[in-house]
Amino acid sequence: MDHEFRFKEEGDPLNGAVFAKVQAVIVCTNEFGESMPFPFDERARKKENWDKSIENWDDISPPENKPENLNDLLFQHNVMVRPCDIDGMEHLHSANYIFYVWDAFYFSFKDKVPFILQTHVKDMFVEFLNPLFPGENLCISVWAPNKNDISLPTVTCYELIRISDGVVAAKAKMTVDFTEAMRSNGSL
């Protein structure tokens, strides 16, 4: 079963859903949790490496679950709950999701071109519509009021914590300043 995560402004609850504050940090680890350099290189900059399934970059359709303002949609990405993240009651206890955003694709729908942005990520809130169980695919959709506040590409780690039966809260860190990190390792 797919679940949609939507970042929403504080004070904008939806049907009593659980909200957890999400702050933005770069997580420089690979899939095995080992340290790795900042992933800013030509691989991430070349559009042919972002999504090889896109045949015509001039004819891009927005995702079905889209915000009212398409320019606010930043990315969608799928992750899977690992069995080791489930407690004895088969509820999600804690899970670390490490995903590489250049595996998704990014567009400015206004210009129909891929974009990599800079500056920082503002505080956001995330809504969990359902409890999580092993093997479930999770669809993460991220919005921002102004996409110029988002830096791409990066690696982000989300930690999900079960606070009671059927209720899942989230903690996350993302980076504050990607531009300086890119300069420091020679990418800019």
C-alpha atoms as a PDB file:
ATOM      1  CA  MET A   1       0.000   0.000   0.000  1.00  0.00           C
ATOM      2  CA  ASP A   2       1.315   3.442  -0.904  1.00  0.00           C
ATOM      3  CA  HIS A   3       1.206   6.273   1.593  1.00  0.00           C
ATOM      4  CA  GLU A   4       1.595   9.891   0.720  1.00  0.00           C
ATOM      5  CA  PHE A   5       3.669  12.188   2.923  1.00  0.00           C
ATOM      6  CA  ARG A   6       2.858  15.842   2.444  1.00  0.00           C
ATOM      7  CA  PHE A   7       4.779  18.718   3.967  1.00  0.00           C
ATOM      8  CA  LYS A   8       2.317  21.296   5.237  1.00  0.00           C
ATOM      9  CA  GLU A   9       2.456  24.540   7.128  1.00  0.00           C
ATOM     10  CA  GLU A  10       2.062  24.550  10.909  1.00  0.00           C
ATOM     11  CA  GLY A  11      -1.524  25.045  12.008  1.00  0.00           C
ATOM     12  CA  ASP A  12      -2.936  23.389   8.912  1.00  0.00           C
ATOM     13  CA  PRO A  13      -4.093  19.979  10.218  1.00  0.00           C
ATOM     14  CA  LEU A  14      -5.952  17.541   8.013  1.00  0.00           C
ATOM     15  CA  ASN A  15      -8.538  15.217   9.568  1.00  0.00           C
ATOM     16  CA  GLY A  16      -6.616  15.033  12.838  1.00  0.00           C
ATOM     17  CA  ALA A  17      -3.530  13.574  11.164  1.00  0.00           C
ATOM     18  CA  VAL A  18      -0.277  13.504  13.085  1.00  0.00           C
ATOM     19  CA  PHE A  19       2.205  16.240  12.273  1.00  0.00           C
ATOM     20  CA  ALA A  20       5.862  16.318  13.221  1.00  0.00           C
ATOM     21  CA  LYS A  21       8.218  19.210  12.723  1.00  0.00           C
ATOM     22  CA  VAL A  22      10.858  18.577  10.086  1.00  0.00           C
ATOM     23  CA  GLN A  23      14.055  20.568   9.958  1.00  0.00           C
ATOM     24  CA  ALA A  24      16.342  20.498   7.133  1.00  0.00           C
ATOM     25  CA  VAL A  25      20.987  18.561   6.884  1.00  0.00           C
ATOM     26  CA  ILE A  26      23.021  16.712   4.578  1.00  0.00           C
ATOM     27  CA  VAL A  27      23.573  13.077   5.439  1.00  0.00           C
ATOM     28  CA  CYS A  28      26.813  12.038   3.804  1.00  0.00           C
ATOM     29  CA  THR A  29      26.439   8.275   4.011  1.00  0.00           C
ATOM     30  CA  ASN A  30      25.966   5.555   1.458  1.00  0.00           C
ATOM     31  CA  GLU A  31      23.381   2.767   1.538  1.00  0.00           C
ATOM     32  CA  PHE A  32      25.534   0.890   4.061  1.00  0.00           C
ATOM     33  CA  GLY A  33      25.773   3.841   6.437  1.00  0.00           C
ATOM     34  CA  GLU A  34      29.394   4.504   5.502  1.00  0.00           C
ATOM     35  CA  SER A  35      30.724   8.026   5.142  1.00  0.00           C
ATOM     36  CA  MET A  36      30.917   9.427   1.648  1.00  0.00           C
ATOM     37  CA  PRO A  37      31.895  12.780   0.091  1.00  0.00           C
ATOM     38  CA  PHE A  38      29.288  15.392  -0.706  1.00  0.00           C
ATOM     39  CA  PRO A  39      27.449  14.063  -3.777  1.00  0.00           C
ATOM     40  CA  PHE A  40      27.917  17.202  -5.851  1.00  0.00           C
ATOM     41  CA  ASP A  41      29.485  16.192  -9.138  1.00  0.00           C
ATOM     42  CA  GLU A  42      28.756  15.963 -12.831  1.00  0.00           C
ATOM     43  CA  ARG A  43      26.748  12.758 -12.399  1.00  0.00           C
ATOM     44  CA  ALA A  44      24.088  14.702 -10.527  1.00  0.00           C
ATOM     45  CA  ARG A  45      24.208  17.638 -12.932  1.00  0.00           C
ATOM     46  CA  LYS A  46      23.707  15.723 -16.180  1.00  0.00           C
ATOM     47  CA  LYS A  47      20.020  15.261 -16.874  1.00  0.00           C
ATOM     48  CA  GLU A  48      20.558  11.918 -18.622  1.00  0.00           C
ATOM     49  CA  ASN A  49      21.679  10.515 -15.278  1.00  0.00           C
ATOM     50  CA  TRP A  50      18.663  11.787 -13.341  1.00  0.00           C
ATOM     51  CA  ASP A  51      15.940   9.636 -14.849  1.00  0.00           C
ATOM     52  CA  LYS A  52      16.746   7.455 -17.846  1.00  0.00           C
ATOM     53  CA  SER A  53      13.064   6.528 -18.240  1.00  0.00           C
ATOM     54  CA  ILE A  54      12.208  10.019 -19.471  1.00  0.00           C
ATOM     55  CA  GLU A  55      12.456   9.930 -23.254  1.00  0.00           C
ATOM     56  CA  ASN A  56      11.340  13.430 -24.136  1.00  0.00           C
ATOM     57  CA  TRP A  57      12.440  16.155 -21.741  1.00  0.00           C
ATOM     58  CA  ASP A  58      10.349  18.696 -23.658  1.00  0.00           C
ATOM     59  CA  ASP A  59       7.099  16.900 -22.890  1.00  0.00           C
ATOM     60  CA  ILE A  60       6.936  16.330 -19.141  1.00  0.00           C
ATOM     61  CA  SER A  61       3.682  15.671 -17.319  1.00  0.00           C
ATOM     62  CA  PRO A  62       3.325  16.599 -13.624  1.00  0.00           C
ATOM     63  CA  PRO A  63       2.678  13.771 -11.124  1.00  0.00           C
ATOM     64  CA  GLU A  64      -0.959  12.854 -10.452  1.00  0.00           C
ATOM     65  CA  ASN A  65      -0.852  13.940  -6.803  1.00  0.00           C
ATOM     66  CA  LYS A  66       0.145  17.508  -7.429  1.00  0.00           C
ATOM     67  CA  PRO A  67      -0.212  20.695  -5.384  1.00  0.00           C
ATOM     68  CA  GLU A  68      -2.310  23.553  -6.689  1.00  0.00           C
ATOM     69  CA  ASN A  69       0.802  25.402  -7.786  1.00  0.00           C
ATOM     70  CA  LEU A  70       2.947  23.050  -9.859  1.00  0.00           C
ATOM     71  CA  ASN A  71       5.984  25.253  -9.345  1.00  0.00           C
ATOM     72  CA  ASP A  72       5.870  24.279  -5.660  1.00  0.00           C
ATOM     73  CA  LEU A  73       6.365  20.554  -6.334  1.00  0.00           C
ATOM     74  CA  LEU A  74       9.966  19.633  -5.667  1.00  0.00           C
ATOM     75  CA  PHE A  75      10.225  15.883  -5.879  1.00  0.00           C
ATOM     76  CA  GLN A  76       8.640  12.516  -5.299  1.00  0.00           C
ATOM     77  CA  HIS A  77      10.531   9.474  -4.168  1.00  0.00           C
ATOM     78  CA  ASN A  78       9.709   5.942  -3.075  1.00  0.00           C
ATOM     79  CA  VAL A  79      11.284   4.122  -0.134  1.00  0.00           C
ATOM     80  CA  MET A  80      10.485   0.827   1.588  1.00  0.00           C
ATOM     81  CA  VAL A  81      10.182  -0.037   5.283  1.00  0.00           C
ATOM     82  CA  ARG A  82      12.839  -2.555   6.302  1.00  0.00           C
ATOM     83  CA  PRO A  83      11.856  -5.544   8.501  1.00  0.00           C
ATOM     84  CA  CYS A  84      14.591  -4.676  11.007  1.00  0.00           C
ATOM     85  CA  ASP A  85      12.763  -1.423  11.736  1.00  0.00           C
ATOM     86  CA  ILE A  86       9.714  -3.221  13.124  1.00  0.00           C
ATOM     87  CA  ASP A  87       9.289  -4.033  16.811  1.00  0.00           C
ATOM     88  CA  GLY A  88       7.887  -7.252  18.350  1.00  0.00           C
ATOM     89  CA  MET A  89       4.328  -6.022  17.900  1.00  0.00           C
ATOM     90  CA  GLU A  90       4.982  -5.593  14.172  1.00  0.00           C
ATOM     91  CA  HIS A  91       4.693  -1.846  14.469  1.00  0.00           C
ATOM     92  CA  LEU A  92       7.237   0.568  13.122  1.00  0.00           C
ATOM     93  CA  HIS A  93       9.596   1.447  15.952  1.00  0.00           C
ATOM     94  CA  SER A  94      12.240   3.448  14.153  1.00  0.00           C
ATOM     95  CA  ALA A  95      13.484   3.623  10.606  1.00  0.00           C
ATOM     96  CA  ASN A  96      16.183   5.502   8.789  1.00  0.00           C
ATOM     97  CA  TYR A  97      15.458   6.306   5.173  1.00  0.00           C
ATOM     98  CA  ILE A  98      18.470   7.323   3.147  1.00  0.00           C
ATOM     99  CA  PHE A  99      17.615   8.248  -0.403  1.00  0.00           C
ATOM    100  CA  TYR A 100      19.498   9.967  -3.162  1.00  0.00           C
ATOM    101  CA  VAL A 101      17.421  12.723  -4.639  1.00  0.00           C
ATOM    102  CA  TRP A 102      19.074  12.604  -8.029  1.00  0.00           C
ATOM    103  CA  ASP A 103      17.371   9.222  -8.474  1.00  0.00           C
ATOM    104  CA  ALA A 104      14.135  11.184  -8.634  1.00  0.00           C
ATOM    105  CA  PHE A 105      13.629  13.964 -11.144  1.00  0.00           C
ATOM    106  CA  TYR A 106      13.155  17.689 -10.742  1.00  0.00           C
ATOM    107  CA  PHE A 107      11.528  20.193 -12.977  1.00  0.00           C
ATOM    108  CA  SER A 108      10.558  23.781 -13.082  1.00  0.00           C
ATOM    109  CA  PHE A 109       7.127  23.181 -14.561  1.00  0.00           C
ATOM    110  CA  LYS A 110       7.002  26.823 -15.547  1.00  0.00           C
ATOM    111  CA  ASP A 111      10.004  26.410 -17.841  1.00  0.00           C
ATOM    112  CA  LYS A 112       9.825  22.609 -18.304  1.00  0.00           C
ATOM    113  CA  VAL A 113      13.499  22.267 -17.525  1.00  0.00           C
ATOM    114  CA  PRO A 114      15.381  20.409 -14.774  1.00  0.00           C
ATOM    115  CA  PHE A 115      16.665  22.595 -11.986  1.00  0.00           C
ATOM    116  CA  ILE A 116      19.280  22.494  -9.243  1.00  0.00           C
ATOM    117  CA  LEU A 117      18.788  25.219  -6.669  1.00  0.00           C
ATOM    118  CA  GLN A 118      20.738  26.655  -3.784  1.00  0.00           C
ATOM    119  CA  THR A 119      20.338  28.526  -0.458  1.00  0.00           C
ATOM    120  CA  HIS A 120      18.526  26.714   2.351  1.00  0.00           C
ATOM    121  CA  VAL A 121      15.536  24.638   3.391  1.00  0.00           C
ATOM    122  CA  LYS A 122      12.906  26.181   5.640  1.00  0.00           C
ATOM    123  CA  ASP A 123      11.183  24.344   8.488  1.00  0.00           C
ATOM    124  CA  MET A 124       8.267  22.237   7.272  1.00  0.00           C
ATOM    125  CA  PHE A 125       5.723  19.826   8.690  1.00  0.00           C
ATOM    126  CA  VAL A 126       5.061  16.296   7.551  1.00  0.00           C
ATOM    127  CA  GLU A 127       1.761  14.430   7.679  1.00  0.00           C
ATOM    128  CA  PHE A 128       1.559  10.661   8.154  1.00  0.00           C
ATOM    129  CA  LEU A 129      -1.730   9.338   6.864  1.00  0.00           C
ATOM    130  CA  ASN A 130      -1.317   5.728   7.990  1.00  0.00           C
ATOM    131  CA  PRO A 131       0.793   3.557  10.298  1.00  0.00           C
ATOM    132  CA  LEU A 132       3.711   1.853   8.573  1.00  0.00           C
ATOM    133  CA  PHE A 133       4.519  -1.837   8.266  1.00  0.00           C
ATOM    134  CA  PRO A 134       7.335  -3.798   6.629  1.00  0.00           C
ATOM    135  CA  GLY A 135       7.314  -4.051   2.871  1.00  0.00           C
ATOM    136  CA  GLU A 136       5.087  -1.038   2.326  1.00  0.00           C
ATOM    137  CA  ASN A 137       6.102   1.373  -0.390  1.00  0.00           C
ATOM    138  CA  LEU A 138       6.041   4.985   0.713  1.00  0.00           C
ATOM    139  CA  CYS A 139       5.581   7.857  -1.687  1.00  0.00           C
ATOM    140  CA  ILE A 140       7.157  11.066  -0.424  1.00  0.00           C
ATOM    141  CA  SER A 141       6.039  14.312  -2.042  1.00  0.00           C
ATOM    142  CA  VAL A 142       7.732  17.544  -1.018  1.00  0.00           C
ATOM    143  CA  TRP A 143       6.366  21.030  -1.504  1.00  0.00           C
ATOM    144  CA  ALA A 144       7.723  24.443  -0.609  1.00  0.00           C
ATOM    145  CA  PRO A 145       6.084  27.864  -0.868  1.00  0.00           C
ATOM    146  CA  ASN A 146       9.125  29.062  -2.798  1.00  0.00           C
ATOM    147  CA  LYS A 147      11.300  26.468  -4.469  1.00  0.00           C
ATOM    148  CA  ASN A 148      14.251  28.850  -4.306  1.00  0.00           C
ATOM    149  CA  ASP A 149      14.423  27.910  -0.621  1.00  0.00           C
ATOM    150  CA  ILE A 150      15.380  24.350  -1.534  1.00  0.00           C
ATOM    151  CA  SER A 151      18.842  23.075  -2.404  1.00  0.00           C
ATOM    152  CA  LEU A 152      19.225  20.135  -4.769  1.00  0.00           C
ATOM    153  CA  PRO A 153      20.675  17.588  -5.095  1.00  0.00           C
ATOM    154  CA  THR A 154      21.400  16.093  -1.698  1.00  0.00           C
ATOM    155  CA  VAL A 155      20.985  13.024   0.470  1.00  0.00           C
ATOM    156  CA  THR A 156      18.372  13.256   3.207  1.00  0.00           C
ATOM    157  CA  CYS A 157      17.786  10.908   6.128  1.00  0.00           C
ATOM    158  CA  TYR A 158      14.374  10.664   7.789  1.00  0.00           C
ATOM    159  CA  GLU A 159      13.929   8.965  11.150  1.00  0.00           C
ATOM    160  CA  LEU A 160      10.408   7.742  11.894  1.00  0.00           C
ATOM    161  CA  ILE A 161       9.459   7.028  15.512  1.00  0.00           C
ATOM    162  CA  ARG A 162       6.321   5.187  16.653  1.00  0.00           C
ATOM    163  CA  ILE A 163       4.871   7.135  19.586  1.00  0.00           C
ATOM    164  CA  SER A 164       1.770   4.953  20.092  1.00  0.00           C
ATOM    165  CA  ASP A 165      -0.186   2.249  18.284  1.00  0.00           C
ATOM    166  CA  GLY A 166      -1.168   3.478  14.868  1.00  0.00           C
ATOM    167  CA  VAL A 167       0.599   6.816  15.347  1.00  0.00           C
ATOM    168  CA  VAL A 168       3.927   7.625  13.762  1.00  0.00           C
ATOM    169  CA  ALA A 169       5.910  10.810  14.247  1.00  0.00           C
ATOM    170  CA  ALA A 170       8.915  11.953  12.257  1.00  0.00           C
ATOM    171  CA  LYS A 171      12.270  13.527  12.858  1.00  0.00           C
ATOM    172  CA  ALA A 172      14.510  14.686  10.064  1.00  0.00           C
ATOM    173  CA  LYS A 173      17.523  16.856   9.405  1.00  0.00           C
ATOM    174  CA  MET A 174      18.502  18.481   6.140  1.00  0.00           C
ATOM    175  CA  THR A 175      21.204  20.912   5.257  1.00  0.00           C
ATOM    176  CA  VAL A 176      21.013  24.622   5.782  1.00  0.00           C
ATOM    177  CA  ASP A 177      23.552  25.804   3.206  1.00  0.00           C
ATOM    178  CA  PHE A 178      24.415  23.632   0.239  1.00  0.00           C
ATOM    179  CA  THR A 179      26.111  26.398  -1.693  1.00  0.00           C
ATOM    180  CA  GLU A 180      28.978  26.696   0.753  1.00  0.00           C
ATOM    181  CA  ALA A 181      29.391  22.916   0.850  1.00  0.00           C
ATOM    182  CA  MET A 182      29.601  22.813  -2.926  1.00  0.00           C
ATOM    183  CA  ARG A 183      32.193  25.574  -2.951  1.00  0.00           C
ATOM    184  CA  SER A 184      34.263  23.867  -0.281  1.00  0.00           C
ATOM    185  CA  ASN A 185      34.627  20.665  -2.285  1.00  0.00           C
ATOM    186  CA  GLY A 186      35.230  22.413  -5.601  1.00  0.00           C
ATOM    187  CA  SER A 187      31.855  21.778  -7.214  1.00  0.00           C
ATOM    188  CA  LEU A 188      31.244  25.503  -7.665  1.00  0.00           C
END
